[in-house]
Amino acid sequence: ARVEVIKNMDSVDIQAFPGSGKTTI
């Protein structure tokens, strides 16, 4: 799931719950 976010190069938002590591991603 996190790899999918990192690879994505489209204009899209990421809804990330607490402790999901969004800033690290």
mmCIF file of all heavy atoms, coordinates in Angstrom:
data_MODEL
# 
_entry.id   MODEL 
# 
loop_
_atom_site.group_PDB 
_atom_site.id 
_atom_site.type_symbol 
_atom_site.label_atom_id 
_atom_site.label_alt_id 
_atom_site.label_comp_id 
_atom_site.label_asym_id 
_atom_site.label_entity_id 
_atom_site.label_seq_id 
_atom_site.pdbx_PDB_ins_code 
_atom_site.Cartn_x 
_atom_site.Cartn_y 
_atom_site.Cartn_z 
_atom_site.occupancy 
_atom_site.B_iso_or_equiv 
_atom_site.pdbx_formal_charge 
_atom_site.auth_seq_id 
_atom_site.auth_comp_id 
_atom_site.auth_asym_id 
_atom_site.auth_atom_id 
_atom_site.pdbx_PDB_model_num 
ATOM 1   N N   . ALA A 1 1  ? 0.835  -1.204 0.000   1.00 0.00 ? 1  ALA A N   1 
ATOM 2   C CA  . ALA A 1 1  ? 0.000  0.000  0.000   1.00 0.00 ? 1  ALA A CA  1 
ATOM 3   C C   . ALA A 1 1  ? 0.870  1.253  0.000   1.00 0.00 ? 1  ALA A C   1 
ATOM 4   O O   . ALA A 1 1  ? 0.581  2.238  -0.702  1.00 0.00 ? 1  ALA A O   1 
ATOM 5   C CB  . ALA A 1 1  ? -0.927 -0.006 1.213   1.00 0.00 ? 1  ALA A CB  1 
ATOM 6   N N   . ARG A 1 2  ? 1.948  1.217  0.779   1.00 0.00 ? 2  ARG A N   1 
ATOM 7   C CA  . ARG A 1 2  ? 2.834  2.374  0.865   1.00 0.00 ? 2  ARG A CA  1 
ATOM 8   C C   . ARG A 1 2  ? 3.687  2.515  -0.392  1.00 0.00 ? 2  ARG A C   1 
ATOM 9   O O   . ARG A 1 2  ? 3.984  3.631  -0.827  1.00 0.00 ? 2  ARG A O   1 
ATOM 10  C CB  . ARG A 1 2  ? 3.683  2.272  2.132   1.00 0.00 ? 2  ARG A CB  1 
ATOM 11  C CG  . ARG A 1 2  ? 2.843  2.506  3.393   1.00 0.00 ? 2  ARG A CG  1 
ATOM 12  C CD  . ARG A 1 2  ? 3.492  1.999  4.665   1.00 0.00 ? 2  ARG A CD  1 
ATOM 13  N NE  . ARG A 1 2  ? 2.671  2.334  5.830   1.00 0.00 ? 2  ARG A NE  1 
ATOM 14  C CZ  . ARG A 1 2  ? 1.597  1.656  6.214   1.00 0.00 ? 2  ARG A CZ  1 
ATOM 15  N NH1 . ARG A 1 2  ? 1.208  0.581  5.517   1.00 0.00 ? 2  ARG A NH1 1 
ATOM 16  N NH2 . ARG A 1 2  ? 0.903  2.025  7.270   1.00 0.00 ? 2  ARG A NH2 1 
ATOM 17  N N   . VAL A 1 3  ? 4.078  1.396  -0.975  1.00 0.00 ? 3  VAL A N   1 
ATOM 18  C CA  . VAL A 1 3  ? 4.811  1.434  -2.238  1.00 0.00 ? 3  VAL A CA  1 
ATOM 19  C C   . VAL A 1 3  ? 3.954  2.063  -3.334  1.00 0.00 ? 3  VAL A C   1 
ATOM 20  O O   . VAL A 1 3  ? 4.440  2.841  -4.161  1.00 0.00 ? 3  VAL A O   1 
ATOM 21  C CB  . VAL A 1 3  ? 5.279  0.017  -2.649  1.00 0.00 ? 3  VAL A CB  1 
ATOM 22  C CG1 . VAL A 1 3  ? 5.764  0.000  -4.105  1.00 0.00 ? 3  VAL A CG1 1 
ATOM 23  C CG2 . VAL A 1 3  ? 6.372  -0.469 -1.718  1.00 0.00 ? 3  VAL A CG2 1 
ATOM 24  N N   . GLU A 1 4  ? 2.661  1.734  -3.335  1.00 0.00 ? 4  GLU A N   1 
ATOM 25  C CA  . GLU A 1 4  ? 1.752  2.301  -4.333  1.00 0.00 ? 4  GLU A CA  1 
ATOM 26  C C   . GLU A 1 4  ? 1.723  3.821  -4.230  1.00 0.00 ? 4  GLU A C   1 
ATOM 27  O O   . GLU A 1 4  ? 1.712  4.529  -5.245  1.00 0.00 ? 4  GLU A O   1 
ATOM 28  C CB  . GLU A 1 4  ? 0.343  1.740  -4.147  1.00 0.00 ? 4  GLU A CB  1 
ATOM 29  C CG  . GLU A 1 4  ? -0.660 2.271  -5.170  1.00 0.00 ? 4  GLU A CG  1 
ATOM 30  C CD  . GLU A 1 4  ? -2.091 1.799  -4.909  1.00 0.00 ? 4  GLU A CD  1 
ATOM 31  O OE1 . GLU A 1 4  ? -2.302 1.037  -3.941  1.00 0.00 ? 4  GLU A OE1 1 
ATOM 32  O OE2 . GLU A 1 4  ? -2.977 2.212  -5.678  1.00 0.00 ? 4  GLU A OE2 1 
ATOM 33  N N   . VAL A 1 5  ? 1.729  4.339  -3.003  1.00 0.00 ? 5  VAL A N   1 
ATOM 34  C CA  . VAL A 1 5  ? 1.726  5.786  -2.807  1.00 0.00 ? 5  VAL A CA  1 
ATOM 35  C C   . VAL A 1 5  ? 3.036  6.395  -3.296  1.00 0.00 ? 5  VAL A C   1 
ATOM 36  O O   . VAL A 1 5  ? 3.051  7.427  -3.983  1.00 0.00 ? 5  VAL A O   1 
ATOM 37  C CB  . VAL A 1 5  ? 1.492  6.130  -1.314  1.00 0.00 ? 5  VAL A CB  1 
ATOM 38  C CG1 . VAL A 1 5  ? 1.702  7.617  -1.078  1.00 0.00 ? 5  VAL A CG1 1 
ATOM 39  C CG2 . VAL A 1 5  ? 0.088  5.718  -0.893  1.00 0.00 ? 5  VAL A CG2 1 
ATOM 40  N N   . ILE A 1 6  ? 4.139  5.774  -2.960  1.00 0.00 ? 6  ILE A N   1 
ATOM 41  C CA  . ILE A 1 6  ? 5.447  6.311  -3.348  1.00 0.00 ? 6  ILE A CA  1 
ATOM 42  C C   . ILE A 1 6  ? 5.594  6.341  -4.865  1.00 0.00 ? 6  ILE A C   1 
ATOM 43  O O   . ILE A 1 6  ? 6.111  7.304  -5.435  1.00 0.00 ? 6  ILE A O   1 
ATOM 44  C CB  . ILE A 1 6  ? 6.581  5.485  -2.703  1.00 0.00 ? 6  ILE A CB  1 
ATOM 45  C CG1 . ILE A 1 6  ? 6.545  5.626  -1.176  1.00 0.00 ? 6  ILE A CG1 1 
ATOM 46  C CG2 . ILE A 1 6  ? 7.943  5.927  -3.235  1.00 0.00 ? 6  ILE A CG2 1 
ATOM 47  C CD1 . ILE A 1 6  ? 7.524  4.731  -0.448  1.00 0.00 ? 6  ILE A CD1 1 
ATOM 48  N N   . LYS A 1 7  ? 5.129  5.301  -5.530  1.00 0.00 ? 7  LYS A N   1 
ATOM 49  C CA  . LYS A 1 7  ? 5.287  5.215  -6.986  1.00 0.00 ? 7  LYS A CA  1 
ATOM 50  C C   . LYS A 1 7  ? 4.337  6.137  -7.744  1.00 0.00 ? 7  LYS A C   1 
ATOM 51  O O   . LYS A 1 7  ? 4.616  6.513  -8.888  1.00 0.00 ? 7  LYS A O   1 
ATOM 52  C CB  . LYS A 1 7  ? 5.051  3.773  -7.452  1.00 0.00 ? 7  LYS A CB  1 
ATOM 53  C CG  . LYS A 1 7  ? 6.180  2.814  -7.123  1.00 0.00 ? 7  LYS A CG  1 
ATOM 54  C CD  . LYS A 1 7  ? 5.889  1.442  -7.737  1.00 0.00 ? 7  LYS A CD  1 
ATOM 55  C CE  . LYS A 1 7  ? 7.047  0.489  -7.553  1.00 0.00 ? 7  LYS A CE  1 
ATOM 56  N NZ  . LYS A 1 7  ? 6.782  -0.824 -8.211  1.00 0.00 ? 7  LYS A NZ  1 
ATOM 57  N N   . ASN A 1 8  ? 3.228  6.516  -7.135  1.00 0.00 ? 8  ASN A N   1 
ATOM 58  C CA  . ASN A 1 8  ? 2.198  7.254  -7.853  1.00 0.00 ? 8  ASN A CA  1 
ATOM 59  C C   . ASN A 1 8  ? 2.675  8.662  -8.234  1.00 0.00 ? 8  ASN A C   1 
ATOM 60  O O   . ASN A 1 8  ? 3.121  9.431  -7.385  1.00 0.00 ? 8  ASN A O   1 
ATOM 61  C CB  . ASN A 1 8  ? 0.929  7.358  -6.996  1.00 0.00 ? 8  ASN A CB  1 
ATOM 62  C CG  . ASN A 1 8  ? -0.252 7.861  -7.794  1.00 0.00 ? 8  ASN A CG  1 
ATOM 63  O OD1 . ASN A 1 8  ? -0.288 9.003  -8.227  1.00 0.00 ? 8  ASN A OD1 1 
ATOM 64  N ND2 . ASN A 1 8  ? -1.222 6.989  -8.001  1.00 0.00 ? 8  ASN A ND2 1 
ATOM 65  N N   . MET A 1 9  ? 2.566  8.999  -9.515  1.00 0.00 ? 9  MET A N   1 
ATOM 66  C CA  . MET A 1 9  ? 2.985  10.310 -10.012 1.00 0.00 ? 9  MET A CA  1 
ATOM 67  C C   . MET A 1 9  ? 1.821  11.059 -10.652 1.00 0.00 ? 9  MET A C   1 
ATOM 68  O O   . MET A 1 9  ? 2.004  11.878 -11.563 1.00 0.00 ? 9  MET A O   1 
ATOM 69  C CB  . MET A 1 9  ? 4.126  10.145 -11.015 1.00 0.00 ? 9  MET A CB  1 
ATOM 70  C CG  . MET A 1 9  ? 5.438  9.696  -10.382 1.00 0.00 ? 9  MET A CG  1 
ATOM 71  S SD  . MET A 1 9  ? 6.131  10.922 -9.246  1.00 0.00 ? 9  MET A SD  1 
ATOM 72  C CE  . MET A 1 9  ? 6.615  12.188 -10.399 1.00 0.00 ? 9  MET A CE  1 
ATOM 73  N N   . ASP A 1 10 ? 0.605  10.775 -10.171 1.00 0.00 ? 10 ASP A N   1 
ATOM 74  C CA  . ASP A 1 10 ? -0.577 11.484 -10.639 1.00 0.00 ? 10 ASP A CA  1 
ATOM 75  C C   . ASP A 1 10 ? -0.984 12.541 -9.620  1.00 0.00 ? 10 ASP A C   1 
ATOM 76  O O   . ASP A 1 10 ? -0.499 12.556 -8.485  1.00 0.00 ? 10 ASP A O   1 
ATOM 77  C CB  . ASP A 1 10 ? -1.734 10.507 -10.847 1.00 0.00 ? 10 ASP A CB  1 
ATOM 78  C CG  . ASP A 1 10 ? -1.461 9.511  -11.956 1.00 0.00 ? 10 ASP A CG  1 
ATOM 79  O OD1 . ASP A 1 10 ? -0.857 9.918  -12.969 1.00 0.00 ? 10 ASP A OD1 1 
ATOM 80  O OD2 . ASP A 1 10 ? -1.827 8.328  -11.801 1.00 0.00 ? 10 ASP A OD2 1 
ATOM 81  N N   . SER A 1 11 ? -1.897 13.405 -10.012 1.00 0.00 ? 11 SER A N   1 
ATOM 82  C CA  . SER A 1 11 ? -2.465 14.365 -9.062  1.00 0.00 ? 11 SER A CA  1 
ATOM 83  C C   . SER A 1 11 ? -3.540 13.650 -8.258  1.00 0.00 ? 11 SER A C   1 
ATOM 84  O O   . SER A 1 11 ? -4.679 13.482 -8.717  1.00 0.00 ? 11 SER A O   1 
ATOM 85  C CB  . SER A 1 11 ? -3.050 15.567 -9.804  1.00 0.00 ? 11 SER A CB  1 
ATOM 86  O OG  . SER A 1 11 ? -2.037 16.441 -10.217 1.00 0.00 ? 11 SER A OG  1 
ATOM 87  N N   . VAL A 1 12 ? -3.179 13.208 -7.088  1.00 0.00 ? 12 VAL A N   1 
ATOM 88  C CA  . VAL A 1 12 ? -4.075 12.416 -6.245  1.00 0.00 ? 12 VAL A CA  1 
ATOM 89  C C   . VAL A 1 12 ? -3.757 12.716 -4.791  1.00 0.00 ? 12 VAL A C   1 
ATOM 90  O O   . VAL A 1 12 ? -2.620 13.077 -4.449  1.00 0.00 ? 12 VAL A O   1 
ATOM 91  C CB  . VAL A 1 12 ? -3.903 10.904 -6.546  1.00 0.00 ? 12 VAL A CB  1 
ATOM 92  C CG1 . VAL A 1 12 ? -2.520 10.418 -6.152  1.00 0.00 ? 12 VAL A CG1 1 
ATOM 93  C CG2 . VAL A 1 12 ? -4.988 10.075 -5.871  1.00 0.00 ? 12 VAL A CG2 1 
ATOM 94  N N   . ASP A 1 13 ? -4.751 12.615 -3.918  1.00 0.00 ? 13 ASP A N   1 
ATOM 95  C CA  . ASP A 1 13 ? -4.537 12.833 -2.494  1.00 0.00 ? 13 ASP A CA  1 
ATOM 96  C C   . ASP A 1 13 ? -4.334 11.516 -1.772  1.00 0.00 ? 13 ASP A C   1 
ATOM 97  O O   . ASP A 1 13 ? -4.768 10.456 -2.244  1.00 0.00 ? 13 ASP A O   1 
ATOM 98  C CB  . ASP A 1 13 ? -5.724 13.585 -1.883  1.00 0.00 ? 13 ASP A CB  1 
ATOM 99  C CG  . ASP A 1 13 ? -5.776 15.040 -2.325  1.00 0.00 ? 13 ASP A CG  1 
ATOM 100 O OD1 . ASP A 1 13 ? -4.702 15.593 -2.653  1.00 0.00 ? 13 ASP A OD1 1 
ATOM 101 O OD2 . ASP A 1 13 ? -6.872 15.627 -2.336  1.00 0.00 ? 13 ASP A OD2 1 
ATOM 102 N N   . ILE A 1 14 ? -3.690 11.594 -0.613  1.00 0.00 ? 14 ILE A N   1 
ATOM 103 C CA  . ILE A 1 14 ? -3.440 10.417 0.207   1.00 0.00 ? 14 ILE A CA  1 
ATOM 104 C C   . ILE A 1 14 ? -4.074 10.647 1.572   1.00 0.00 ? 14 ILE A C   1 
ATOM 105 O O   . ILE A 1 14 ? -3.641 11.520 2.331   1.00 0.00 ? 14 ILE A O   1 
ATOM 106 C CB  . ILE A 1 14 ? -1.925 10.132 0.341   1.00 0.00 ? 14 ILE A CB  1 
ATOM 107 C CG1 . ILE A 1 14 ? -1.343 9.680  -1.000  1.00 0.00 ? 14 ILE A CG1 1 
ATOM 108 C CG2 . ILE A 1 14 ? -1.690 9.046  1.384   1.00 0.00 ? 14 ILE A CG2 1 
ATOM 109 C CD1 . ILE A 1 14 ? -0.989 10.795 -1.939  1.00 0.00 ? 14 ILE A CD1 1 
ATOM 110 N N   . GLN A 1 15 ? -5.149 9.899  1.861   1.00 0.00 ? 15 GLN A N   1 
ATOM 111 C CA  . GLN A 1 15 ? -5.809 9.932  3.156   1.00 0.00 ? 15 GLN A CA  1 
ATOM 112 C C   . GLN A 1 15 ? -5.088 8.912  4.038   1.00 0.00 ? 15 GLN A C   1 
ATOM 113 O O   . GLN A 1 15 ? -5.151 7.717  3.818   1.00 0.00 ? 15 GLN A O   1 
ATOM 114 C CB  . GLN A 1 15 ? -7.292 9.592  3.025   1.00 0.00 ? 15 GLN A CB  1 
ATOM 115 C CG  . GLN A 1 15 ? -8.000 9.165  4.305   1.00 0.00 ? 15 GLN A CG  1 
ATOM 116 C CD  . GLN A 1 15 ? -8.062 10.257 5.363   1.00 0.00 ? 15 GLN A CD  1 
ATOM 117 O OE1 . GLN A 1 15 ? -8.033 11.437 5.047   1.00 0.00 ? 15 GLN A OE1 1 
ATOM 118 N NE2 . GLN A 1 15 ? -8.148 9.865  6.622   1.00 0.00 ? 15 GLN A NE2 1 
ATOM 119 N N   . ALA A 1 16 ? -4.370 9.418  5.034   1.00 0.00 ? 16 ALA A N   1 
ATOM 120 C CA  . ALA A 1 16 ? -3.510 8.555  5.848   1.00 0.00 ? 16 ALA A CA  1 
ATOM 121 C C   . ALA A 1 16 ? -3.900 8.679  7.316   1.00 0.00 ? 16 ALA A C   1 
ATOM 122 O O   . ALA A 1 16 ? -3.900 9.774  7.871   1.00 0.00 ? 16 ALA A O   1 
ATOM 123 C CB  . ALA A 1 16 ? -2.051 8.942  5.662   1.00 0.00 ? 16 ALA A CB  1 
ATOM 124 N N   . PHE A 1 17 ? -4.221 7.575  7.947   1.00 0.00 ? 17 PHE A N   1 
ATOM 125 C CA  . PHE A 1 17 ? -4.650 7.583  9.342   1.00 0.00 ? 17 PHE A CA  1 
ATOM 126 C C   . PHE A 1 17 ? -3.456 7.759  10.285  1.00 0.00 ? 17 PHE A C   1 
ATOM 127 O O   . PHE A 1 17 ? -2.296 7.575  9.870   1.00 0.00 ? 17 PHE A O   1 
ATOM 128 C CB  . PHE A 1 17 ? -5.420 6.306  9.653   1.00 0.00 ? 17 PHE A CB  1 
ATOM 129 C CG  . PHE A 1 17 ? -6.794 6.274  9.046   1.00 0.00 ? 17 PHE A CG  1 
ATOM 130 C CD1 . PHE A 1 17 ? -7.030 5.641  7.831   1.00 0.00 ? 17 PHE A CD1 1 
ATOM 131 C CD2 . PHE A 1 17 ? -7.857 6.907  9.669   1.00 0.00 ? 17 PHE A CD2 1 
ATOM 132 C CE1 . PHE A 1 17 ? -8.287 5.632  7.263   1.00 0.00 ? 17 PHE A CE1 1 
ATOM 133 C CE2 . PHE A 1 17 ? -9.120 6.904  9.114   1.00 0.00 ? 17 PHE A CE2 1 
ATOM 134 C CZ  . PHE A 1 17 ? -9.344 6.265  7.902   1.00 0.00 ? 17 PHE A CZ  1 
ATOM 135 N N   . PRO A 1 18 ? -3.705 8.111  11.557  1.00 0.00 ? 18 PRO A N   1 
ATOM 136 C CA  . PRO A 1 18 ? -2.598 8.322  12.503  1.00 0.00 ? 18 PRO A CA  1 
ATOM 137 C C   . PRO A 1 18 ? -1.696 7.093  12.584  1.00 0.00 ? 18 PRO A C   1 
ATOM 138 O O   . PRO A 1 18 ? -2.175 5.962  12.650  1.00 0.00 ? 18 PRO A O   1 
ATOM 139 C CB  . PRO A 1 18 ? -3.316 8.562  13.841  1.00 0.00 ? 18 PRO A CB  1 
ATOM 140 C CG  . PRO A 1 18 ? -4.678 9.046  13.465  1.00 0.00 ? 18 PRO A CG  1 
ATOM 141 C CD  . PRO A 1 18 ? -5.024 8.345  12.189  1.00 0.00 ? 18 PRO A CD  1 
ATOM 142 N N   . GLY A 1 19 ? -0.398 7.334  12.577  1.00 0.00 ? 19 GLY A N   1 
ATOM 143 C CA  . GLY A 1 19 ? 0.534  6.229  12.699  1.00 0.00 ? 19 GLY A CA  1 
ATOM 144 C C   . GLY A 1 19 ? 0.738  5.445  11.424  1.00 0.00 ? 19 GLY A C   1 
ATOM 145 O O   . GLY A 1 19 ? 1.325  4.359  11.440  1.00 0.00 ? 19 GLY A O   1 
ATOM 146 N N   . SER A 1 20 ? 0.294  5.979  10.295  1.00 0.00 ? 20 SER A N   1 
ATOM 147 C CA  . SER A 1 20 ? 0.476  5.273  9.018   1.00 0.00 ? 20 SER A CA  1 
ATOM 148 C C   . SER A 1 20 ? 1.812  5.616  8.369   1.00 0.00 ? 20 SER A C   1 
ATOM 149 O O   . SER A 1 20 ? 2.181  5.029  7.357   1.00 0.00 ? 20 SER A O   1 
ATOM 150 C CB  . SER A 1 20 ? -0.667 5.618  8.054   1.00 0.00 ? 20 SER A CB  1 
ATOM 151 O OG  . SER A 1 20 ? -0.706 7.008  7.817   1.00 0.00 ? 20 SER A OG  1 
ATOM 152 N N   . GLY A 1 21 ? 2.535  6.564  8.948   1.00 0.00 ? 21 GLY A N   1 
ATOM 153 C CA  . GLY A 1 21 ? 3.854  6.908  8.434   1.00 0.00 ? 21 GLY A CA  1 
ATOM 154 C C   . GLY A 1 21 ? 3.838  7.775  7.199   1.00 0.00 ? 21 GLY A C   1 
ATOM 155 O O   . GLY A 1 21 ? 4.743  7.705  6.372   1.00 0.00 ? 21 GLY A O   1 
ATOM 156 N N   . LYS A 1 22 ? 2.832  8.649  7.078   1.00 0.00 ? 22 LYS A N   1 
ATOM 157 C CA  . LYS A 1 22 ? 2.682  9.428  5.835   1.00 0.00 ? 22 LYS A CA  1 
ATOM 158 C C   . LYS A 1 22 ? 3.861  10.364 5.588   1.00 0.00 ? 22 LYS A C   1 
ATOM 159 O O   . LYS A 1 22 ? 4.300  10.502 4.440   1.00 0.00 ? 22 LYS A O   1 
ATOM 160 C CB  . LYS A 1 22 ? 1.377  10.205 5.847   1.00 0.00 ? 22 LYS A CB  1 
ATOM 161 C CG  . LYS A 1 22 ? 1.288  11.287 6.890   1.00 0.00 ? 22 LYS A CG  1 
ATOM 162 C CD  . LYS A 1 22 ? 0.013  12.085 6.755   1.00 0.00 ? 22 LYS A CD  1 
ATOM 163 C CE  . LYS A 1 22 ? -0.099 13.120 7.855   1.00 0.00 ? 22 LYS A CE  1 
ATOM 164 N NZ  . LYS A 1 22 ? 1.062  14.061 7.891   1.00 0.00 ? 22 LYS A NZ  1 
ATOM 165 N N   . THR A 1 23 ? 4.387  11.009 6.645   1.00 0.00 ? 23 THR A N   1 
ATOM 166 C CA  . THR A 1 23 ? 5.513  11.913 6.428   1.00 0.00 ? 23 THR A CA  1 
ATOM 167 C C   . THR A 1 23 ? 6.762  11.143 6.030   1.00 0.00 ? 23 THR A C   1 
ATOM 168 O O   . THR A 1 23 ? 7.533  11.583 5.171   1.00 0.00 ? 23 THR A O   1 
ATOM 169 C CB  . THR A 1 23 ? 5.779  12.761 7.691   1.00 0.00 ? 23 THR A CB  1 
ATOM 170 O OG1 . THR A 1 23 ? 4.583  13.494 8.027   1.00 0.00 ? 23 THR A OG1 1 
ATOM 171 C CG2 . THR A 1 23 ? 6.906  13.758 7.443   1.00 0.00 ? 23 THR A CG2 1 
ATOM 172 N N   . THR A 1 24 ? 6.953  9.953  6.617   1.00 0.00 ? 24 THR A N   1 
ATOM 173 C CA  . THR A 1 24 ? 8.081  9.102  6.230   1.00 0.00 ? 24 THR A CA  1 
ATOM 174 C C   . THR A 1 24 ? 7.956  8.681  4.766   1.00 0.00 ? 24 THR A C   1 
ATOM 175 O O   . THR A 1 24 ? 8.938  8.662  4.012   1.00 0.00 ? 24 THR A O   1 
ATOM 176 C CB  . THR A 1 24 ? 8.150  7.860  7.131   1.00 0.00 ? 24 THR A CB  1 
ATOM 177 O OG1 . THR A 1 24 ? 8.301  8.280  8.490   1.00 0.00 ? 24 THR A OG1 1 
ATOM 178 C CG2 . THR A 1 24 ? 9.314  6.963  6.754   1.00 0.00 ? 24 THR A CG2 1 
ATOM 179 N N   . ILE A 1 25 ? 6.745  8.348  4.355   1.00 0.00 ? 25 ILE A N   1 
ATOM 180 C CA  . ILE A 1 25 ? 6.493  7.975  2.958   1.00 0.00 ? 25 ILE A CA  1 
ATOM 181 C C   . ILE A 1 25 ? 6.809  9.147  2.038   1.00 0.00 ? 25 ILE A C   1 
ATOM 182 O O   . ILE A 1 25 ? 7.454  8.990  0.992   1.00 0.00 ? 25 ILE A O   1 
ATOM 183 C CB  . ILE A 1 25 ? 5.026  7.529  2.782   1.00 0.00 ? 25 ILE A CB  1 
ATOM 184 C CG1 . ILE A 1 25 ? 4.787  6.208  3.507   1.00 0.00 ? 25 ILE A CG1 1 
ATOM 185 C CG2 . ILE A 1 25 ? 4.657  7.402  1.305   1.00 0.00 ? 25 ILE A CG2 1 
ATOM 186 C CD1 . ILE A 1 25 ? 3.330  5.845  3.634   1.00 0.00 ? 25 ILE A CD1 1 
# 
